[in-house]
PDB file of N, CA and C in Angstrom:
ATOM      1  N   MET A   1      58.855 224.327 195.783  1.00  0.00           N
ATOM      2  CA  MET A   1      59.631 224.127 197.045  1.00  0.00           C
ATOM      3  C   MET A   1      59.874 225.420 197.830  1.00  0.00           C
ATOM      4  N   ARG A   2      59.730 225.296 199.261  1.00  0.00           N
ATOM      5  CA  ARG A   2      59.927 226.624 199.989  1.00  0.00           C
ATOM      6  C   ARG A   2      61.227 226.284 200.790  1.00  0.00           C
ATOM      7  N   ILE A   3      61.877 227.424 201.024  1.00  0.00           N
ATOM      8  CA  ILE A   3      63.226 227.336 201.775  1.00  0.00           C
ATOM      9  C   ILE A   3      63.096 228.375 202.957  1.00  0.00           C
ATOM     10  N   ILE A   4      63.554 227.842 204.045  1.00  0.00           N
ATOM     11  CA  ILE A   4      63.686 228.716 205.290  1.00  0.00           C
ATOM     12  C   ILE A   4      65.217 228.823 205.566  1.00  0.00           C
ATOM     13  N   ASN A   5      65.621 230.169 205.497  1.00  0.00           N
ATOM     14  CA  ASN A   5      67.046 230.379 205.830  1.00  0.00           C
ATOM     15  C   ASN A   5      67.300 230.620 207.213  1.00  0.00           C
ATOM     16  N   LEU A   6      68.341 230.102 207.759  1.00  0.00           N
ATOM     17  CA  LEU A   6      68.713 230.303 209.115  1.00  0.00           C
ATOM     18  C   LEU A   6      70.095 231.103 209.049  1.00  0.00           C
ATOM     19  N   ALA A   7      70.062 232.344 209.663  1.00  0.00           N
ATOM     20  CA  ALA A   7      71.240 233.140 209.485  1.00  0.00           C
ATOM     21  C   ALA A   7      71.782 233.396 210.921  1.00  0.00           C
ATOM     22  N   GLY A   8      72.792 232.594 211.155  1.00  0.00           N
ATOM     23  CA  GLY A   8      73.469 232.753 212.515  1.00  0.00           C
ATOM     24  C   GLY A   8      72.509 232.445 213.664  1.00  0.00           C
ATOM     25  N   ALA A   9      71.557 231.589 213.410  1.00  0.00           N
ATOM     26  CA  ALA A   9      70.603 231.215 214.504  1.00  0.00           C
ATOM     27  C   ALA A   9      71.327 230.462 215.550  1.00  0.00           C
ATOM     28  N   SER A  10      70.808 230.772 216.834  1.00  0.00           N
ATOM     29  CA  SER A  10      71.368 230.009 217.987  1.00  0.00           C
ATOM     30  C   SER A  10      70.186 229.638 218.919  1.00  0.00           C
ATOM     31  N   VAL A  11      68.941 229.831 218.426  1.00  0.00           N
ATOM     32  CA  VAL A  11      67.767 229.407 219.251  1.00  0.00           C
ATOM     33  C   VAL A  11      66.833 228.595 218.463  1.00  0.00           C
ATOM     34  N   ALA A  12      65.745 228.058 219.036  1.00  0.00           N
ATOM     35  CA  ALA A  12      64.702 227.239 218.265  1.00  0.00           C
ATOM     36  C   ALA A  12      63.926 228.139 217.466  1.00  0.00           C
ATOM     37  N   LEU A  13      63.710 227.674 216.216  1.00  0.00           N
ATOM     38  CA  LEU A  13      62.831 228.447 215.289  1.00  0.00           C
ATOM     39  C   LEU A  13      61.659 227.618 214.773  1.00  0.00           C
ATOM     40  N   PRO A  14      60.451 228.012 215.081  1.00  0.00           N
ATOM     41  CA  PRO A  14      59.341 227.270 214.501  1.00  0.00           C
ATOM     42  C   PRO A  14      59.145 227.583 213.111  1.00  0.00           C
ATOM     43  N   ILE A  15      58.725 226.686 212.175  1.00  0.00           N
ATOM     44  CA  ILE A  15      58.354 226.989 210.913  1.00  0.00           C
ATOM     45  C   ILE A  15      56.761 226.738 210.914  1.00  0.00           C
ATOM     46  N   ALA A  16      56.093 227.604 210.408  1.00  0.00           N
ATOM     47  CA  ALA A  16      54.625 227.652 210.544  1.00  0.00           C
ATOM     48  C   ALA A  16      54.063 226.232 210.279  1.00  0.00           C
ATOM     49  N   PRO A  17      53.129 225.748 211.177  1.00  0.00           N
ATOM     50  CA  PRO A  17      52.555 224.484 211.130  1.00  0.00           C
ATOM     51  C   PRO A  17      51.687 224.427 209.980  1.00  0.00           C
ATOM     52  N   ALA A  18      51.568 223.204 209.451  1.00  0.00           N
ATOM     53  CA  ALA A  18      50.539 223.001 208.281  1.00  0.00           C
ATOM     54  C   ALA A  18      50.113 221.616 208.399  1.00  0.00           C
ATOM     55  N   PRO A  19      48.924 221.300 207.914  1.00  0.00           N
ATOM     56  CA  PRO A  19      48.482 219.900 208.067  1.00  0.00           C
ATOM     57  C   PRO A  19      49.369 218.845 207.520  1.00  0.00           C
ATOM     58  N   VAL A  20      49.994 219.133 206.389  1.00  0.00           N
ATOM     59  CA  VAL A  20      50.980 218.168 205.855  1.00  0.00           C
ATOM     60  C   VAL A  20      52.115 218.903 205.059  1.00  0.00           C
ATOM     61  N   LEU A  21      53.356 218.663 205.406  1.00  0.00           N
ATOM     62  CA  LEU A  21      54.401 219.295 204.734  1.00  0.00           C
ATOM     63  C   LEU A  21      55.440 218.115 204.247  1.00  0.00           C
ATOM     64  N   TYR A  22      56.054 218.321 203.260  1.00  0.00           N
ATOM     65  CA  TYR A  22      57.130 217.357 202.834  1.00  0.00           C
ATOM     66  C   TYR A  22      58.506 217.908 202.952  1.00  0.00           C
ATOM     67  N   TYR A  23      59.310 217.353 203.923  1.00  0.00           N
ATOM     68  CA  TYR A  23      60.549 217.808 204.291  1.00  0.00           C
ATOM     69  C   TYR A  23      61.582 217.284 203.184  1.00  0.00           C
ATOM     70  N   ARG A  24      62.295 218.208 202.608  1.00  0.00           N
ATOM     71  CA  ARG A  24      63.144 217.834 201.464  1.00  0.00           C
ATOM     72  C   ARG A  24      64.573 217.740 201.774  1.00  0.00           C
ATOM     73  N   GLY A  25      65.040 218.384 202.898  1.00  0.00           N
ATOM     74  CA  GLY A  25      66.464 218.332 203.195  1.00  0.00           C
ATOM     75  C   GLY A  25      66.872 219.621 203.896  1.00  0.00           C
ATOM     76  N   PHE A  26      68.349 219.672 203.983  1.00  0.00           N
ATOM     77  CA  PHE A  26      68.887 220.790 204.641  1.00  0.00           C
ATOM     78  C   PHE A  26      70.250 221.133 204.054  1.00  0.00           C
ATOM     79  N   GLU A  27      70.792 222.413 204.335  1.00  0.00           N
ATOM     80  CA  GLU A  27      72.248 222.750 204.069  1.00  0.00           C
ATOM     81  C   GLU A  27      72.583 223.512 205.289  1.00  0.00           C
ATOM     82  N   LEU A  28      73.519 223.046 206.099  1.00  0.00           N
ATOM     83  CA  LEU A  28      73.745 223.684 207.396  1.00  0.00           C
ATOM     84  C   LEU A  28      75.303 223.854 207.623  1.00  0.00           C
ATOM     85  N   ARG A  29      75.768 225.016 208.165  1.00  0.00           N
ATOM     86  CA  ARG A  29      77.232 225.150 208.472  1.00  0.00           C
ATOM     87  C   ARG A  29      77.276 225.731 209.869  1.00  0.00           C
ATOM     88  N   GLU A  30      78.289 225.251 210.683  1.00  0.00           N
ATOM     89  CA  GLU A  30      78.544 225.648 211.975  1.00  0.00           C
ATOM     90  C   GLU A  30      79.258 226.983 211.678  1.00  0.00           C
ATOM     91  N   PHE A  31      78.757 228.081 212.365  1.00  0.00           N
ATOM     92  CA  PHE A  31      79.087 229.445 211.919  1.00  0.00           C
ATOM     93  C   PHE A  31      80.224 230.059 212.625  1.00  0.00           C
ATOM     94  N   THR A  32      80.449 229.749 213.906  1.00  0.00           N
ATOM     95  CA  THR A  32      81.414 230.357 214.697  1.00  0.00           C
ATOM     96  C   THR A  32      82.896 229.881 214.422  1.00  0.00           C
ATOM     97  N   GLY A  33      83.073 228.710 214.030  1.00  0.00           N
ATOM     98  CA  GLY A  33      84.317 228.117 213.697  1.00  0.00           C
ATOM     99  C   GLY A  33      85.079 227.671 215.069  1.00  0.00           C
ATOM    100  N   THR A  34      84.478 227.741 216.211  1.00  0.00           N
ATOM    101  CA  THR A  34      85.056 227.361 217.404  1.00  0.00           C
ATOM    102  C   THR A  34      84.427 226.359 218.281  1.00  0.00           C
ATOM    103  N   THR A  35      83.164 226.077 217.906  1.00  0.00           N
ATOM    104  CA  THR A  35      82.354 225.068 218.772  1.00  0.00           C
ATOM    105  C   THR A  35      81.653 224.039 217.904  1.00  0.00           C
ATOM    106  N   THR A  36      81.042 223.017 218.478  1.00  0.00           N
ATOM    107  CA  THR A  36      80.243 222.247 217.732  1.00  0.00           C
ATOM    108  C   THR A  36      78.721 222.585 217.801  1.00  0.00           C
ATOM    109  N   ALA A  37      78.015 222.075 216.833  1.00  0.00           N
ATOM    110  CA  ALA A  37      76.501 222.504 216.785  1.00  0.00           C
ATOM    111  C   ALA A  37      75.741 221.112 216.627  1.00  0.00           C
ATOM    112  N   LEU A  38      74.598 221.206 217.171  1.00  0.00           N
ATOM    113  CA  LEU A  38      73.550 220.199 217.069  1.00  0.00           C
ATOM    114  C   LEU A  38      72.301 220.705 216.766  1.00  0.00           C
ATOM    115  N   VAL A  39      71.651 220.288 215.648  1.00  0.00           N
ATOM    116  CA  VAL A  39      70.311 220.745 215.189  1.00  0.00           C
ATOM    117  C   VAL A  39      69.386 219.606 214.963  1.00  0.00           C
ATOM    118  N   ARG A  40      68.230 219.762 215.541  1.00  0.00           N
ATOM    119  CA  ARG A  40      67.183 218.622 215.398  1.00  0.00           C
ATOM    120  C   ARG A  40      65.987 219.290 214.614  1.00  0.00           C
ATOM    121  N   ILE A  41      65.584 218.597 213.660  1.00  0.00           N
ATOM    122  CA  ILE A  41      64.313 218.947 212.928  1.00  0.00           C
ATOM    123  C   ILE A  41      63.260 217.998 213.152  1.00  0.00           C
ATOM    124  N   TRP A  42      62.075 218.651 213.637  1.00  0.00           N
ATOM    125  CA  TRP A  42      61.001 217.945 214.223  1.00  0.00           C
ATOM    126  C   TRP A  42      59.873 217.954 213.289  1.00  0.00           C
ATOM    127  N   ASP A  43      59.062 216.788 213.237  1.00  0.00           N
ATOM    128  CA  ASP A  43      57.691 216.826 212.655  1.00  0.00           C
ATOM    129  C   ASP A  43      56.723 217.173 214.008  1.00  0.00           C
ATOM    130  N   ALA A  44      56.728 218.563 214.217  1.00  0.00           N
ATOM    131  CA  ALA A  44      56.068 219.070 215.419  1.00  0.00           C
ATOM    132  C   ALA A  44      55.938 220.611 215.306  1.00  0.00           C
ATOM    133  N   ALA A  45      55.169 221.040 216.252  1.00  0.00           N
ATOM    134  CA  ALA A  45      55.073 222.552 216.465  1.00  0.00           C
ATOM    135  C   ALA A  45      56.021 222.937 217.498  1.00  0.00           C
ATOM    136  N   SER A  46      56.718 222.185 218.164  1.00  0.00           N
ATOM    137  CA  SER A  46      57.550 222.386 219.252  1.00  0.00           C
ATOM    138  C   SER A  46      58.666 221.228 219.263  1.00  0.00           C
ATOM    139  N   ALA A  47      59.612 221.330 220.219  1.00  0.00           N
ATOM    140  CA  ALA A  47      60.643 220.284 220.217  1.00  0.00           C
ATOM    141  C   ALA A  47      60.054 219.069 220.912  1.00  0.00           C
ATOM    142  N   THR A  48      59.126 218.519 220.451  1.00  0.00           N
ATOM    143  CA  THR A  48      58.534 217.219 220.903  1.00  0.00           C
ATOM    144  C   THR A  48      58.115 216.423 219.640  1.00  0.00           C
ATOM    145  N   GLY A  49      57.739 215.213 219.717  1.00  0.00           N
ATOM    146  CA  GLY A  49      57.206 214.519 218.602  1.00  0.00           C
ATOM    147  C   GLY A  49      58.217 213.530 217.882  1.00  0.00           C
ATOM    148  N   LYS A  50      58.222 213.590 216.644  1.00  0.00           N
ATOM    149  CA  LYS A  50      58.936 212.671 215.780  1.00  0.00           C
ATOM    150  C   LYS A  50      60.105 213.569 215.134  1.00  0.00           C
ATOM    151  N   ILE A  51      61.345 213.085 215.305  1.00  0.00           N
ATOM    152  CA  ILE A  51      62.510 213.700 214.703  1.00  0.00           C
ATOM    153  C   ILE A  51      62.684 213.290 213.276  1.00  0.00           C
ATOM    154  N   LEU A  52      62.645 214.339 212.419  1.00  0.00           N
ATOM    155  CA  LEU A  52      62.982 213.989 210.991  1.00  0.00           C
ATOM    156  C   LEU A  52      64.451 213.964 210.635  1.00  0.00           C
ATOM    157  N   ASP A  53      65.283 214.833 211.316  1.00  0.00           N
ATOM    158  CA  ASP A  53      66.629 214.813 211.158  1.00  0.00           C
ATOM    159  C   ASP A  53      67.378 215.286 212.400  1.00  0.00           C
ATOM    160  N   GLU A  54      68.467 214.796 212.568  1.00  0.00           N
ATOM    161  CA  GLU A  54      69.323 215.327 213.601  1.00  0.00           C
ATOM    162  C   GLU A  54      70.757 215.484 213.027  1.00  0.00           C
ATOM    163  N   VAL A  55      71.286 216.633 212.976  1.00  0.00           N
ATOM    164  CA  VAL A  55      72.462 217.025 212.334  1.00  0.00           C
ATOM    165  C   VAL A  55      73.571 217.529 213.417  1.00  0.00           C
ATOM    166  N   SER A  56      74.728 216.791 213.536  1.00  0.00           N
ATOM    167  CA  SER A  56      75.748 217.244 214.368  1.00  0.00           C
ATOM    168  C   SER A  56      76.874 217.733 213.480  1.00  0.00           C
ATOM    169  N   LEU A  57      77.418 218.935 213.916  1.00  0.00           N
ATOM    170  CA  LEU A  57      78.415 219.675 213.073  1.00  0.00           C
ATOM    171  C   LEU A  57      79.697 219.893 214.023  1.00  0.00           C
ATOM    172  N   ALA A  58      80.917 219.630 213.568  1.00  0.00           N
ATOM    173  CA  ALA A  58      82.051 220.029 214.215  1.00  0.00           C
ATOM    174  C   ALA A  58      82.292 221.476 213.890  1.00  0.00           C
ATOM    175  N   ALA A  59      83.253 222.145 214.612  1.00  0.00           N
ATOM    176  CA  ALA A  59      83.584 223.384 214.420  1.00  0.00           C
ATOM    177  C   ALA A  59      83.887 223.749 212.907  1.00  0.00           C
ATOM    178  N   ASN A  60      83.085 224.662 212.305  1.00  0.00           N
ATOM    179  CA  ASN A  60      83.268 225.108 210.866  1.00  0.00           C
ATOM    180  C   ASN A  60      82.904 224.043 209.915  1.00  0.00           C
ATOM    181  N   GLU A  61      82.219 222.997 210.291  1.00  0.00           N
ATOM    182  CA  GLU A  61      81.834 221.943 209.400  1.00  0.00           C
ATOM    183  C   GLU A  61      80.502 222.317 208.787  1.00  0.00           C
ATOM    184  N   SER A  62      80.366 221.811 207.502  1.00  0.00           N
ATOM    185  CA  SER A  62      79.082 221.991 206.853  1.00  0.00           C
ATOM    186  C   SER A  62      78.556 220.619 206.406  1.00  0.00           C
ATOM    187  N   ALA A  63      77.188 220.506 206.298  1.00  0.00           N
ATOM    188  CA  ALA A  63      76.562 219.245 205.800  1.00  0.00           C
ATOM    189  C   ALA A  63      75.384 219.673 204.991  1.00  0.00           C
ATOM    190  N   ARG A  64      75.010 218.710 204.102  1.00  0.00           N
ATOM    191  CA  ARG A  64      73.722 218.963 203.223  1.00  0.00           C
ATOM    192  C   ARG A  64      73.212 217.572 203.046  1.00  0.00           C
ATOM    193  N   GLU A  65      71.884 217.564 202.827  1.00  0.00           N
ATOM    194  CA  GLU A  65      71.104 216.333 202.422  1.00  0.00           C
ATOM    195  C   GLU A  65      69.918 216.863 201.781  1.00  0.00           C
ATOM    196  N   ASN A  66      69.752 216.296 200.536  1.00  0.00           N
ATOM    197  CA  ASN A  66      68.605 216.459 199.746  1.00  0.00           C
ATOM    198  C   ASN A  66      67.941 215.165 199.439  1.00  0.00           C
ATOM    199  N   TYR A  67      66.824 214.922 200.022  1.00  0.00           N
ATOM    200  CA  TYR A  67      66.154 213.638 199.947  1.00  0.00           C
ATOM    201  C   TYR A  67      65.328 213.499 198.594  1.00  0.00           C
ATOM    202  N   GLY A  68      65.589 212.439 197.916  1.00  0.00           N
ATOM    203  CA  GLY A  68      64.949 212.215 196.596  1.00  0.00           C
ATOM    204  C   GLY A  68      63.454 211.889 196.923  1.00  0.00           C
ATOM    205  N   VAL A  69      63.157 211.163 197.957  1.00  0.00           N
ATOM    206  CA  VAL A  69      61.858 210.978 198.449  1.00  0.00           C
ATOM    207  C   VAL A  69      61.692 211.780 199.701  1.00  0.00           C
ATOM    208  N   ALA A  70      60.769 212.713 199.734  1.00  0.00           N
ATOM    209  CA  ALA A  70      60.612 213.654 200.886  1.00  0.00           C
ATOM    210  C   ALA A  70      60.085 212.845 202.052  1.00  0.00           C
ATOM    211  N   LYS A  71      60.430 213.423 203.259  1.00  0.00           N
ATOM    212  CA  LYS A  71      59.944 212.862 204.616  1.00  0.00           C
ATOM    213  C   LYS A  71      58.608 213.647 204.851  1.00  0.00           C
ATOM    214  N   LEU A  72      57.601 212.849 205.191  1.00  0.00           N
ATOM    215  CA  LEU A  72      56.353 213.380 205.503  1.00  0.00           C
ATOM    216  C   LEU A  72      56.296 213.987 206.966  1.00  0.00           C
ATOM    217  N   ALA A  73      55.893 215.323 207.019  1.00  0.00           N
ATOM    218  CA  ALA A  73      55.723 215.930 208.287  1.00  0.00           C
ATOM    219  C   ALA A  73      54.115 216.241 208.497  1.00  0.00           C
ATOM    220  N   LEU A  74      53.558 215.442 209.270  1.00  0.00           N
ATOM    221  CA  LEU A  74      52.073 215.557 209.413  1.00  0.00           C
ATOM    222  C   LEU A  74      51.670 216.946 210.084  1.00  0.00           C
ATOM    223  N   ILE A  75      52.488 217.289 211.133  1.00  0.00           N
ATOM    224  CA  ILE A  75      52.145 218.399 212.163  1.00  0.00           C
ATOM    225  C   ILE A  75      52.728 219.764 211.545  1.00  0.00           C
ATOM    226  N   GLY A  76      53.973 219.724 211.137  1.00  0.00           N
ATOM    227  CA  GLY A  76      54.699 220.859 210.667  1.00  0.00           C
ATOM    228  C   GLY A  76      56.107 220.677 210.849  1.00  0.00           C
ATOM    229  N   ILE A  77      56.987 221.600 210.718  1.00  0.00           N
ATOM    230  CA  ILE A  77      58.367 221.408 210.891  1.00  0.00           C
ATOM    231  C   ILE A  77      58.863 222.497 211.820  1.00  0.00           C
ATOM    232  N   TYR A  78      59.632 221.972 212.843  1.00  0.00           N
ATOM    233  CA  TYR A  78      60.190 222.757 213.842  1.00  0.00           C
ATOM    234  C   TYR A  78      61.737 222.618 213.945  1.00  0.00           C
ATOM    235  N   VAL A  79      62.496 223.622 213.829  1.00  0.00           N
ATOM    236  CA  VAL A  79      63.908 223.650 213.940  1.00  0.00           C
ATOM    237  C   VAL A  79      64.392 223.982 215.256  1.00  0.00           C
ATOM    238  N   GLU A  80      65.059 222.969 215.885  1.00  0.00           N
ATOM    239  CA  GLU A  80      65.665 223.320 217.311  1.00  0.00           C
ATOM    240  C   GLU A  80      67.127 223.239 217.101  1.00  0.00           C
ATOM    241  N   ILE A  81      67.784 224.416 217.478  1.00  0.00           N
ATOM    242  CA  ILE A  81      69.224 224.452 217.523  1.00  0.00           C
ATOM    243  C   ILE A  81      69.526 224.210 218.899  1.00  0.00           C
ATOM    244  N   VAL A  82      69.967 222.909 219.235  1.00  0.00           N
ATOM    245  CA  VAL A  82      70.181 222.420 220.578  1.00  0.00           C
ATOM    246  C   VAL A  82      71.523 223.108 221.054  1.00  0.00           C
ATOM    247  N   SER A  83      72.537 223.208 220.302  1.00  0.00           N
ATOM    248  CA  SER A  83      73.797 223.809 220.769  1.00  0.00           C
ATOM    249  C   SER A  83      74.457 224.491 219.563  1.00  0.00           C
ATOM    250  N   GLY A  84      75.408 225.450 219.743  1.00  0.00           N
ATOM    251  CA  GLY A  84      76.102 226.003 218.785  1.00  0.00           C
ATOM    252  C   GLY A  84      75.384 227.058 217.954  1.00  0.00           C
ATOM    253  N   THR A  85      75.985 227.638 216.857  1.00  0.00           N
ATOM    254  CA  THR A  85      75.297 228.562 216.032  1.00  0.00           C
ATOM    255  C   THR A  85      75.526 228.146 214.600  1.00  0.00           C
ATOM    256  N   VAL A  86      74.423 228.066 213.837  1.00  0.00           N
ATOM    257  CA  VAL A  86      74.396 227.568 212.500  1.00  0.00           C
ATOM    258  C   VAL A  86      73.779 228.700 211.461  1.00  0.00           C
ATOM    259  N   VAL A  87      74.140 228.510 210.229  1.00  0.00           N
ATOM    260  CA  VAL A  87      73.629 229.227 209.158  1.00  0.00           C
ATOM    261  C   VAL A  87      73.272 228.155 208.127  1.00  0.00           C
ATOM    262  N   GLY A  88      72.370 228.451 207.242  1.00  0.00           N
ATOM    263  CA  GLY A  88      72.000 227.531 206.149  1.00  0.00           C
ATOM    264  C   GLY A  88      70.413 227.574 205.896  1.00  0.00           C
ATOM    265  N   SER A  89      69.918 226.514 205.472  1.00  0.00           N
ATOM    266  CA  SER A  89      68.518 226.489 205.039  1.00  0.00           C
ATOM    267  C   SER A  89      67.758 225.179 205.248  1.00  0.00           C
ATOM    268  N   ILE A  90      66.605 225.175 205.459  1.00  0.00           N
ATOM    269  CA  ILE A  90      65.656 223.946 205.428  1.00  0.00           C
ATOM    270  C   ILE A  90      64.755 224.058 204.250  1.00  0.00           C
ATOM    271  N   CYS A  91      64.706 222.915 203.519  1.00  0.00           N
ATOM    272  CA  CYS A  91      63.797 222.892 202.361  1.00  0.00           C
ATOM    273  C   CYS A  91      62.604 221.997 202.586  1.00  0.00           C
ATOM    274  N   PHE A  92      61.438 222.516 202.104  1.00  0.00           N
ATOM    275  CA  PHE A  92      60.175 221.729 202.350  1.00  0.00           C
ATOM    276  C   PHE A  92      59.134 222.240 201.229  1.00  0.00           C
ATOM    277  N   ASP A  93      58.143 221.404 201.103  1.00  0.00           N
ATOM    278  CA  ASP A  93      57.016 221.721 200.205  1.00  0.00           C
ATOM    279  C   ASP A  93      55.759 221.781 201.111  1.00  0.00           C
TER     280      ASP A  93
END
């Protein structure tokens, strides 16, 4: 399993494209404690294509999801921080 850490990220972050990846889940927390955050995780090389996850967090809220059966990402995984600032990780194979 590979893990990408997001440390106070507030912009879109591409994860290197691969022919096939298995998206395993996420652990995310809104970092500032004063605003909401929205994160989209795409099966894509940019913020287009198929959404694997959409995570909405209230101020200082955290969320995690570990999928027993991984979601297939045919193109790659792209993390888009739509709003707010988050810390955490994205897990995939």
